[in-house]
Structure formats: structure tokens, C-alpha cells
Amino acid sequence: MQLPIIAAVFPLVFLGELPDKTMFASLLLSARGRPVAVWLGTAAAFTVHVAIAVSVGVAAFDLVPHHALELVVGALFLAGAAWSWWRRDEAATDPAVAPTRSAGRTVLVAASVIFLAEWGDLTQVLTADLAARYHDPLSVGVGALVGLWLVAAAAVAGGSGLLRRLPVRTVRLATAVVLAGLGVYSIVTGLGG
């Protein structure tokens, strides 16, 4: 493991993930579930994606067209937006939203959402490219993983405080709007590819 490579990869991946859809998804998930469980699920999904990116590298993106991945992700975000919109008026004690949801279920939901959303993402492609460039998958993987985990931690910390300040209806409406925007963006990107 080479510290200079880790130091070069970390800021690239960290900054690349900050404005990303998976960062917003982590933030929104943490507003509805236990923050530590959301982070664990998000971290697990990122770990798998980094392992895939550094192991398979650029070749993985030759198998599945990027635009097809964007279309699937867009459809999933739109489905999530519809679900949030439909459930916007349910009480704050709703077990599907309240922080009393089981930790295992929260980890699974967060891992699934982030795992699906991260396919073909900028930071996954960047990680694969950096692994191919540096020929050091371990150093690249560590740098990328630390960057992704820190962005997820920041998103979860922000999301966990939302329900203490805003009514559940407001959070659900905002969630629906953000997810719809991410869904439309992903679909437009997919159709353009």
C-alpha cells in the first residue's frame, strides 16, 4: 500500500461524490432510518463497488452500457419519489419511516439503494480508471473507500437531524422532489448515451 496514491485518490473521490445522487440518497435515507444503520449499509455498498471497480477496472463498463445503467437507476429514483409522495401525509409514527425501524432492515435498504444507484457512477468509473492508471488496486481502493465513507458519514449526520427540525410531511415532500429530480436526470443522461 502506497500512501502517496491513497492521498492522490482520496480527494478526487471525496469531491466527486459530494454533489452526487448517492450522497443525497444517503442523506434522505438517514432522515427515515437509524443513522448508524444507514451508514453501515451505505458503507457496505460502497465497499462492494470499490472492490468491483479496482478488481475489474474499466473492462466492466464494456459489458453493460452506461446509458442502460442510468435508465435503471432513474426508474428506481422515480419509484422512490412516487412512494414518498404517496405516503407524505402519514403520521410520524409510521414504522416505515420512524427511526424505530429495525437496524437490520435499515442496513439492507440503505445497502440496496446505494448499491443500485452507484453502478456506473462517476466515482466508480474514476476509481476503476485510477486503479488502471496506478496499477495498485489496494492503495486506490483504500483512498476511494475512505473518501466515499466520509461523504456518507456527512450525509447521514445531516439527514439524521432533519426530522428533529422538520415535520415528516415536509421531509417526505422534499424527498419526493429530490428523488424525482435525480430520476429525471438519470433518465435524461441514460437516453443521451
C-alpha atoms as a PDB file:
ATOM      1  CA  MET A   1       0.000   0.000   0.000  1.00  0.00           C
ATOM      2  CA  GLN A   2       1.353   3.392  -1.013  1.00  0.00           C
ATOM      3  CA  LEU A   3       0.389   6.485   0.960  1.00  0.00           C
ATOM      4  CA  PRO A   4       1.011   8.930  -1.945  1.00  0.00           C
ATOM      5  CA  ILE A   5      -1.501   7.039  -4.104  1.00  0.00           C
ATOM      6  CA  ILE A   6      -4.055   6.970  -1.285  1.00  0.00           C
ATOM      7  CA  ALA A   7      -3.506  10.709  -0.786  1.00  0.00           C
ATOM      8  CA  ALA A   8      -3.994  11.359  -4.511  1.00  0.00           C
ATOM      9  CA  VAL A   9      -7.140   9.230  -4.838  1.00  0.00           C
ATOM     10  CA  PHE A  10      -8.938  10.319  -1.661  1.00  0.00           C
ATOM     11  CA  PRO A  11      -9.632  13.982  -2.565  1.00  0.00           C
ATOM     12  CA  LEU A  12     -10.664  13.105  -6.120  1.00  0.00           C
ATOM     13  CA  VAL A  13     -13.231  10.567  -4.991  1.00  0.00           C
ATOM     14  CA  PHE A  14     -14.372  12.633  -1.988  1.00  0.00           C
ATOM     15  CA  LEU A  15     -15.015  15.726  -4.103  1.00  0.00           C
ATOM     16  CA  GLY A  16     -16.542  13.653  -6.910  1.00  0.00           C
ATOM     17  CA  GLU A  17     -19.066  12.102  -4.523  1.00  0.00           C
ATOM     18  CA  LEU A  18     -20.095  15.285  -2.676  1.00  0.00           C
ATOM     19  CA  PRO A  19     -22.651  16.536  -5.209  1.00  0.00           C
ATOM     20  CA  ASP A  20     -23.599  13.004  -6.240  1.00  0.00           C
ATOM     21  CA  LYS A  21     -27.010  11.335  -6.197  1.00  0.00           C
ATOM     22  CA  THR A  22     -25.813   8.648  -3.766  1.00  0.00           C
ATOM     23  CA  MET A  23     -24.813  11.347  -1.268  1.00  0.00           C
ATOM     24  CA  PHE A  24     -28.327  12.774  -1.435  1.00  0.00           C
ATOM     25  CA  ALA A  25     -29.839   9.290  -1.203  1.00  0.00           C
ATOM     26  CA  SER A  26     -27.787   8.633   1.968  1.00  0.00           C
ATOM     27  CA  LEU A  27     -28.964  11.919   3.438  1.00  0.00           C
ATOM     28  CA  LEU A  28     -32.601  11.126   2.720  1.00  0.00           C
ATOM     29  CA  LEU A  29     -32.330   7.538   3.977  1.00  0.00           C
ATOM     30  CA  SER A  30     -30.857   8.746   7.254  1.00  0.00           C
ATOM     31  CA  ALA A  31     -33.835  11.042   7.771  1.00  0.00           C
ATOM     32  CA  ARG A  32     -36.027   7.936   7.811  1.00  0.00           C
ATOM     33  CA  GLY A  33     -33.861   5.308   9.481  1.00  0.00           C
ATOM     34  CA  ARG A  34     -31.282   4.830  12.176  1.00  0.00           C
ATOM     35  CA  PRO A  35     -28.244   6.883  11.126  1.00  0.00           C
ATOM     36  CA  VAL A  36     -25.613   4.311  12.110  1.00  0.00           C
ATOM     37  CA  ALA A  37     -27.526   1.561  10.307  1.00  0.00           C
ATOM     38  CA  VAL A  38     -27.871   3.760   7.205  1.00  0.00           C
ATOM     39  CA  TRP A  39     -24.132   4.456   7.274  1.00  0.00           C
ATOM     40  CA  LEU A  40     -23.315   0.757   7.691  1.00  0.00           C
ATOM     41  CA  GLY A  41     -25.494  -0.146   4.713  1.00  0.00           C
ATOM     42  CA  THR A  42     -24.073   2.681   2.633  1.00  0.00           C
ATOM     43  CA  ALA A  43     -20.506   1.781   3.624  1.00  0.00           C
ATOM     44  CA  ALA A  44     -21.110  -1.873   2.710  1.00  0.00           C
ATOM     45  CA  ALA A  45     -22.459  -0.913  -0.721  1.00  0.00           C
ATOM     46  CA  PHE A  46     -19.514   1.410  -1.335  1.00  0.00           C
ATOM     47  CA  THR A  47     -17.100  -1.318  -0.257  1.00  0.00           C
ATOM     48  CA  VAL A  48     -18.532  -3.731  -2.802  1.00  0.00           C
ATOM     49  CA  HIS A  49     -18.446  -1.107  -5.542  1.00  0.00           C
ATOM     50  CA  VAL A  50     -14.853  -0.129  -4.817  1.00  0.00           C
ATOM     51  CA  ALA A  51     -13.843  -3.805  -4.850  1.00  0.00           C
ATOM     52  CA  ILE A  52     -15.565  -4.236  -8.207  1.00  0.00           C
ATOM     53  CA  ALA A  53     -14.038  -1.056  -9.629  1.00  0.00           C
ATOM     54  CA  VAL A  54     -10.477  -1.850  -8.639  1.00  0.00           C
ATOM     55  CA  SER A  55     -10.735  -5.551  -9.493  1.00  0.00           C
ATOM     56  CA  VAL A  56     -12.434  -5.373 -12.822  1.00  0.00           C
ATOM     57  CA  GLY A  57     -11.387  -1.857 -13.800  1.00  0.00           C
ATOM     58  CA  VAL A  58     -12.536  -0.293 -16.988  1.00  0.00           C
ATOM     59  CA  ALA A  59     -13.441  -3.653 -18.586  1.00  0.00           C
ATOM     60  CA  ALA A  60     -16.625  -3.931 -16.508  1.00  0.00           C
ATOM     61  CA  PHE A  61     -18.118  -0.920 -18.250  1.00  0.00           C
ATOM     62  CA  ASP A  62     -17.699  -2.584 -21.643  1.00  0.00           C
ATOM     63  CA  LEU A  63     -20.168  -5.304 -20.616  1.00  0.00           C
ATOM     64  CA  VAL A  64     -23.145  -3.141 -19.635  1.00  0.00           C
ATOM     65  CA  PRO A  65     -23.744   0.137 -21.462  1.00  0.00           C
ATOM     66  CA  HIS A  66     -23.609   3.133 -19.137  1.00  0.00           C
ATOM     67  CA  HIS A  67     -26.858   4.553 -20.515  1.00  0.00           C
ATOM     68  CA  ALA A  68     -28.727   1.339 -19.593  1.00  0.00           C
ATOM     69  CA  LEU A  69     -27.490   1.631 -16.011  1.00  0.00           C
ATOM     70  CA  GLU A  70     -28.598   5.253 -15.859  1.00  0.00           C
ATOM     71  CA  LEU A  71     -32.086   4.310 -17.068  1.00  0.00           C
ATOM     72  CA  VAL A  72     -32.465   1.634 -14.367  1.00  0.00           C
ATOM     73  CA  VAL A  73     -31.207   3.995 -11.660  1.00  0.00           C
ATOM     74  CA  GLY A  74     -33.546   6.731 -12.938  1.00  0.00           C
ATOM     75  CA  ALA A  75     -36.537   4.398 -12.784  1.00  0.00           C
ATOM     76  CA  LEU A  76     -35.635   3.395  -9.220  1.00  0.00           C
ATOM     77  CA  PHE A  77     -35.356   7.027  -8.135  1.00  0.00           C
ATOM     78  CA  LEU A  78     -38.723   7.847  -9.738  1.00  0.00           C
ATOM     79  CA  ALA A  79     -40.302   4.872  -7.947  1.00  0.00           C
ATOM     80  CA  GLY A  80     -38.873   6.168  -4.670  1.00  0.00           C
ATOM     81  CA  ALA A  81     -40.221   9.650  -5.424  1.00  0.00           C
ATOM     82  CA  ALA A  82     -43.696   8.263  -6.087  1.00  0.00           C
ATOM     83  CA  TRP A  83     -43.585   6.254  -2.854  1.00  0.00           C
ATOM     84  CA  SER A  84     -42.536   9.319  -0.819  1.00  0.00           C
ATOM     85  CA  TRP A  85     -45.221  11.463  -2.437  1.00  0.00           C
ATOM     86  CA  TRP A  86     -47.913   8.860  -1.852  1.00  0.00           C
ATOM     87  CA  ARG A  87     -47.008   8.452   1.832  1.00  0.00           C
ATOM     88  CA  ARG A  88     -46.452  12.172   2.544  1.00  0.00           C
ATOM     89  CA  ASP A  89     -49.465  12.525   4.869  1.00  0.00           C
ATOM     90  CA  GLU A  90     -48.843   9.504   7.093  1.00  0.00           C
ATOM     91  CA  ALA A  91     -48.122  10.166  10.746  1.00  0.00           C
ATOM     92  CA  ALA A  92     -44.592  10.483  12.079  1.00  0.00           C
ATOM     93  CA  THR A  93     -45.111   7.229  13.970  1.00  0.00           C
ATOM     94  CA  ASP A  94     -45.267   5.272  10.715  1.00  0.00           C
ATOM     95  CA  PRO A  95     -42.892   2.311  11.255  1.00  0.00           C
ATOM     96  CA  ALA A  96     -41.645   2.514   7.661  1.00  0.00           C
ATOM     97  CA  VAL A  97     -40.235   5.964   8.371  1.00  0.00           C
ATOM     98  CA  ALA A  98     -39.715   6.260  12.097  1.00  0.00           C
ATOM     99  CA  PRO A  99     -36.240   5.654  13.477  1.00  0.00           C
ATOM    100  CA  THR A 100     -37.607   2.595  15.327  1.00  0.00           C
ATOM    101  CA  ARG A 101     -37.311   0.573  12.097  1.00  0.00           C
ATOM    102  CA  SER A 102     -35.113  -2.443  12.757  1.00  0.00           C
ATOM    103  CA  ALA A 103     -31.416  -1.819  12.299  1.00  0.00           C
ATOM    104  CA  GLY A 104     -31.051  -4.875  10.057  1.00  0.00           C
ATOM    105  CA  ARG A 105     -33.786  -3.722   7.723  1.00  0.00           C
ATOM    106  CA  THR A 106     -32.332  -0.212   7.589  1.00  0.00           C
ATOM    107  CA  VAL A 107     -28.863  -1.567   6.734  1.00  0.00           C
ATOM    108  CA  LEU A 108     -30.362  -3.739   3.989  1.00  0.00           C
ATOM    109  CA  VAL A 109     -32.432  -0.911   2.478  1.00  0.00           C
ATOM    110  CA  ALA A 110     -29.513   1.533   2.540  1.00  0.00           C
ATOM    111  CA  ALA A 111     -27.111  -1.026   1.067  1.00  0.00           C
ATOM    112  CA  SER A 112     -29.565  -1.941  -1.690  1.00  0.00           C
ATOM    113  CA  VAL A 113     -30.377   1.635  -2.677  1.00  0.00           C
ATOM    114  CA  ILE A 114     -26.753   2.750  -2.748  1.00  0.00           C
ATOM    115  CA  PHE A 115     -25.564  -0.449  -4.436  1.00  0.00           C
ATOM    116  CA  LEU A 116     -28.025   0.038  -7.288  1.00  0.00           C
ATOM    117  CA  ALA A 117     -27.519   3.801  -7.547  1.00  0.00           C
ATOM    118  CA  GLU A 118     -23.719   3.600  -7.631  1.00  0.00           C
ATOM    119  CA  TRP A 119     -23.491   1.442 -10.800  1.00  0.00           C
ATOM    120  CA  GLY A 120     -21.684   3.374 -13.491  1.00  0.00           C
ATOM    121  CA  ASP A 121     -21.387   6.377 -11.207  1.00  0.00           C
ATOM    122  CA  LEU A 122     -18.651   8.960 -11.694  1.00  0.00           C
ATOM    123  CA  THR A 123     -16.725   7.821  -8.623  1.00  0.00           C
ATOM    124  CA  GLN A 124     -16.945   4.154  -9.631  1.00  0.00           C
ATOM    125  CA  VAL A 125     -15.607   4.952 -13.093  1.00  0.00           C
ATOM    126  CA  LEU A 126     -12.986   7.239 -11.573  1.00  0.00           C
ATOM    127  CA  THR A 127     -11.902   4.508  -9.149  1.00  0.00           C
ATOM    128  CA  ALA A 128     -11.608   1.986 -11.992  1.00  0.00           C
ATOM    129  CA  ASP A 129      -9.614   4.457 -14.062  1.00  0.00           C
ATOM    130  CA  LEU A 130      -7.274   5.270 -11.172  1.00  0.00           C
ATOM    131  CA  ALA A 131      -6.729   1.570 -10.430  1.00  0.00           C
ATOM    132  CA  ALA A 132      -5.797   1.018 -14.071  1.00  0.00           C
ATOM    133  CA  ARG A 133      -3.532   4.070 -14.067  1.00  0.00           C
ATOM    134  CA  TYR A 134      -1.647   3.404 -10.838  1.00  0.00           C
ATOM    135  CA  HIS A 135      -1.605  -0.424 -11.092  1.00  0.00           C
ATOM    136  CA  ASP A 136      -2.138  -0.536  -7.322  1.00  0.00           C
ATOM    137  CA  PRO A 137      -5.712  -1.623  -6.615  1.00  0.00           C
ATOM    138  CA  LEU A 138      -5.215  -1.770  -2.845  1.00  0.00           C
ATOM    139  CA  SER A 139      -3.963   1.820  -2.493  1.00  0.00           C
ATOM    140  CA  VAL A 140      -6.585   3.126  -4.918  1.00  0.00           C
ATOM    141  CA  GLY A 141      -9.277   1.114  -3.137  1.00  0.00           C
ATOM    142  CA  VAL A 142      -8.339   2.456   0.290  1.00  0.00           C
ATOM    143  CA  GLY A 143      -8.228   6.067  -0.927  1.00  0.00           C
ATOM    144  CA  ALA A 144     -11.571   5.737  -2.711  1.00  0.00           C
ATOM    145  CA  LEU A 145     -13.238   3.914   0.159  1.00  0.00           C
ATOM    146  CA  VAL A 146     -12.191   6.468   2.775  1.00  0.00           C
ATOM    147  CA  GLY A 147     -13.480   9.268   0.537  1.00  0.00           C
ATOM    148  CA  LEU A 148     -16.825   7.553  -0.026  1.00  0.00           C
ATOM    149  CA  TRP A 149     -17.248   6.603   3.629  1.00  0.00           C
ATOM    150  CA  LEU A 150     -16.615  10.182   4.755  1.00  0.00           C
ATOM    151  CA  VAL A 151     -19.143  11.609   2.304  1.00  0.00           C
ATOM    152  CA  ALA A 152     -21.683   9.033   3.524  1.00  0.00           C
ATOM    153  CA  ALA A 153     -20.935   9.964   7.157  1.00  0.00           C
ATOM    154  CA  ALA A 154     -21.502  13.653   6.397  1.00  0.00           C
ATOM    155  CA  ALA A 155     -24.755  12.884   4.579  1.00  0.00           C
ATOM    156  CA  VAL A 156     -26.023  10.653   7.371  1.00  0.00           C
ATOM    157  CA  ALA A 157     -25.136  13.234  10.021  1.00  0.00           C
ATOM    158  CA  GLY A 158     -27.110  15.864   8.113  1.00  0.00           C
ATOM    159  CA  GLY A 159     -30.074  13.618   7.430  1.00  0.00           C
ATOM    160  CA  SER A 160     -30.455  12.342  10.981  1.00  0.00           C
ATOM    161  CA  GLY A 161     -31.153  15.860  12.238  1.00  0.00           C
ATOM    162  CA  LEU A 162     -33.826  16.637   9.666  1.00  0.00           C
ATOM    163  CA  LEU A 163     -36.737  15.025  11.490  1.00  0.00           C
ATOM    164  CA  ARG A 164     -35.927  16.907  14.693  1.00  0.00           C
ATOM    165  CA  ARG A 165     -36.426  20.203  12.826  1.00  0.00           C
ATOM    166  CA  LEU A 166     -38.985  19.447  10.119  1.00  0.00           C
ATOM    167  CA  PRO A 167     -42.350  17.675  10.052  1.00  0.00           C
ATOM    168  CA  VAL A 168     -42.364  14.239   8.402  1.00  0.00           C
ATOM    169  CA  ARG A 169     -44.692  15.544   5.659  1.00  0.00           C
ATOM    170  CA  THR A 170     -42.137  18.213   4.684  1.00  0.00           C
ATOM    171  CA  VAL A 171     -39.303  15.688   4.646  1.00  0.00           C
ATOM    172  CA  ARG A 172     -41.360  13.296   2.502  1.00  0.00           C
ATOM    173  CA  LEU A 173     -42.300  16.035   0.045  1.00  0.00           C
ATOM    174  CA  ALA A 174     -38.668  17.152  -0.188  1.00  0.00           C
ATOM    175  CA  THR A 175     -37.614  13.534  -0.618  1.00  0.00           C
ATOM    176  CA  ALA A 176     -40.117  13.074  -3.443  1.00  0.00           C
ATOM    177  CA  VAL A 177     -38.920  16.228  -5.212  1.00  0.00           C
ATOM    178  CA  VAL A 178     -35.216  15.374  -4.873  1.00  0.00           C
ATOM    179  CA  LEU A 179     -35.701  11.752  -5.935  1.00  0.00           C
ATOM    180  CA  ALA A 180     -37.829  12.831  -8.892  1.00  0.00           C
ATOM    181  CA  GLY A 181     -35.117  15.276  -9.936  1.00  0.00           C
ATOM    182  CA  LEU A 182     -32.437  12.602  -9.623  1.00  0.00           C
ATOM    183  CA  GLY A 183     -34.624  10.159 -11.537  1.00  0.00           C
ATOM    184  CA  VAL A 184     -35.241  12.576 -14.397  1.00  0.00           C
ATOM    185  CA  TYR A 185     -31.548  13.485 -14.508  1.00  0.00           C
ATOM    186  CA  SER A 186     -30.517   9.813 -14.639  1.00  0.00           C
ATOM    187  CA  ILE A 187     -33.051   9.010 -17.360  1.00  0.00           C
ATOM    188  CA  VAL A 188     -32.057  12.029 -19.472  1.00  0.00           C
ATOM    189  CA  THR A 189     -28.394  11.034 -19.068  1.00  0.00           C
ATOM    190  CA  GLY A 190     -29.244   7.444 -19.990  1.00  0.00           C
ATOM    191  CA  LEU A 191     -31.197   8.465 -23.070  1.00  0.00           C
ATOM    192  CA  GLY A 192     -28.401  10.771 -24.145  1.00  0.00           C
ATOM    193  CA  GLY A 193     -25.853   7.899 -24.005  1.00  0.00           C
END
